[in-house]
Amino acid sequence: MGALKQDKARFDTRLPLEQKQLFEKAAILGGYRNLTDFVIVTVQNKAKEIIEEREKIIASQKDKEIFFDSLVNPPKPNKDLISAKDEYNKLISK
């Protein structure tokens, strides 16, 4: 079995020499093979972190909307809820 073929894309950037040296030092100290590996891993981790946080916020906002909508526009009680209320009323009226 061969490895799956992955599409490749190129990403080029220009940066000040001082910044490149800082990144290279971090790559070496972090145990990365080279600057490219360091940049890819670091940026990928940060991208995932940002996406996960944003998705939590979106889900949280949607949850709030659902919750408050159910408070403002509650559904009519179903048979099980009515039955539970009737049983509760019997218990407390004794």
Protein backbone atom coordinates (compact mmCIF):
# COMPACT_ATOMS: atom_id res chain seq x y z
CA MET A 1 0.00 0.00 0.00
CA GLY A 2 1.34 3.40 -0.95
CA ALA A 3 0.93 6.63 0.92
CA LEU A 4 -2.08 8.75 0.11
CA LYS A 5 -1.31 11.51 -2.35
CA GLN A 6 -1.86 14.92 -0.82
CA ASP A 7 -2.32 18.07 -2.84
CA LYS A 8 0.40 20.57 -2.08
CA ALA A 9 0.27 24.35 -2.05
CA ARG A 10 3.06 26.82 -1.63
CA PHE A 11 3.13 29.61 0.95
CA ASP A 12 5.87 32.22 0.62
CA THR A 13 6.39 35.19 2.87
CA ARG A 14 8.94 37.90 3.44
CA LEU A 15 9.89 38.90 6.95
CA PRO A 16 12.59 40.92 8.66
CA LEU A 17 15.87 39.06 9.21
CA GLU A 18 15.59 39.60 12.97
CA GLN A 19 12.19 37.91 13.03
CA LYS A 20 13.45 34.99 10.92
CA GLN A 21 16.37 34.51 13.31
CA LEU A 22 13.97 34.51 16.26
CA PHE A 23 11.84 31.85 14.59
CA GLU A 24 14.89 29.75 13.73
CA LYS A 25 16.11 29.90 17.33
CA ALA A 26 12.69 28.81 18.58
CA ALA A 27 12.65 25.97 16.05
CA ILE A 28 16.03 24.72 17.22
CA LEU A 29 15.15 25.02 20.91
CA GLY A 30 11.80 23.35 20.28
CA GLY A 31 13.43 20.36 18.65
CA TYR A 32 11.98 20.88 15.19
CA ARG A 33 13.85 19.57 12.13
CA ASN A 34 13.84 22.96 10.48
CA LEU A 35 12.15 26.35 10.33
CA THR A 36 9.49 25.11 7.90
CA ASP A 37 8.38 22.33 10.27
CA PHE A 38 8.29 24.78 13.16
CA VAL A 39 6.18 27.29 11.25
CA ILE A 40 3.77 24.67 9.89
CA VAL A 41 3.19 22.95 13.23
CA THR A 42 2.90 26.20 15.18
CA VAL A 43 0.57 27.87 12.72
CA GLN A 44 -1.54 24.72 12.34
CA ASN A 45 -1.96 24.41 16.12
CA LYS A 46 -2.91 28.08 16.43
CA ALA A 47 -5.36 27.78 13.53
CA LYS A 48 -7.07 24.79 15.17
CA GLU A 49 -7.23 26.66 18.49
CA ILE A 50 -8.84 29.72 16.86
CA ILE A 51 -11.36 27.61 14.93
CA GLU A 52 -12.32 25.53 17.99
CA GLU A 53 -12.79 28.65 20.12
CA ARG A 54 -14.90 30.34 17.45
CA GLU A 55 -17.03 27.23 17.00
CA LYS A 56 -17.62 27.10 20.77
CA ILE A 57 -18.76 30.73 20.72
CA ILE A 58 -21.11 30.08 17.81
CA ALA A 59 -22.53 26.97 19.51
CA SER A 60 -22.89 28.89 22.78
CA GLN A 61 -24.78 31.70 21.06
CA LYS A 62 -27.07 29.17 19.35
CA ASP A 63 -27.67 27.42 22.70
CA LYS A 64 -28.62 30.76 24.26
CA GLU A 65 -31.06 31.47 21.45
CA ILE A 66 -32.70 28.05 21.84
CA PHE A 67 -32.88 28.39 25.64
CA PHE A 68 -34.37 31.87 25.67
CA ASP A 69 -36.77 31.04 22.84
CA SER A 70 -38.06 28.11 24.87
CA LEU A 71 -38.57 30.42 27.87
CA VAL A 72 -40.40 33.05 25.84
CA ASN A 73 -42.32 30.57 23.67
CA PRO A 74 -42.61 27.39 25.74
CA PRO A 75 -43.98 24.31 24.00
CA LYS A 76 -47.33 22.94 25.16
CA PRO A 77 -46.99 20.16 27.73
CA ASN A 78 -47.04 16.65 26.28
CA LYS A 79 -48.85 13.63 27.80
CA ASP A 80 -45.84 12.57 29.89
CA LEU A 81 -45.44 16.03 31.43
CA ILE A 82 -49.16 16.25 32.21
CA SER A 83 -49.04 12.77 33.76
CA ALA A 84 -46.01 13.74 35.89
CA LYS A 85 -47.79 16.89 37.06
CA ASP A 86 -50.88 14.88 38.01
CA GLU A 87 -48.79 12.37 39.97
CA TYR A 88 -46.95 15.18 41.74
CA ASN A 89 -50.22 16.88 42.65
CA LYS A 90 -51.52 13.59 44.11
CA LEU A 91 -48.37 13.24 46.24
CA ILE A 92 -48.49 16.74 47.69
CA SER A 93 -52.25 16.75 48.31
CA LYS A 94 -52.07 13.79 50.72
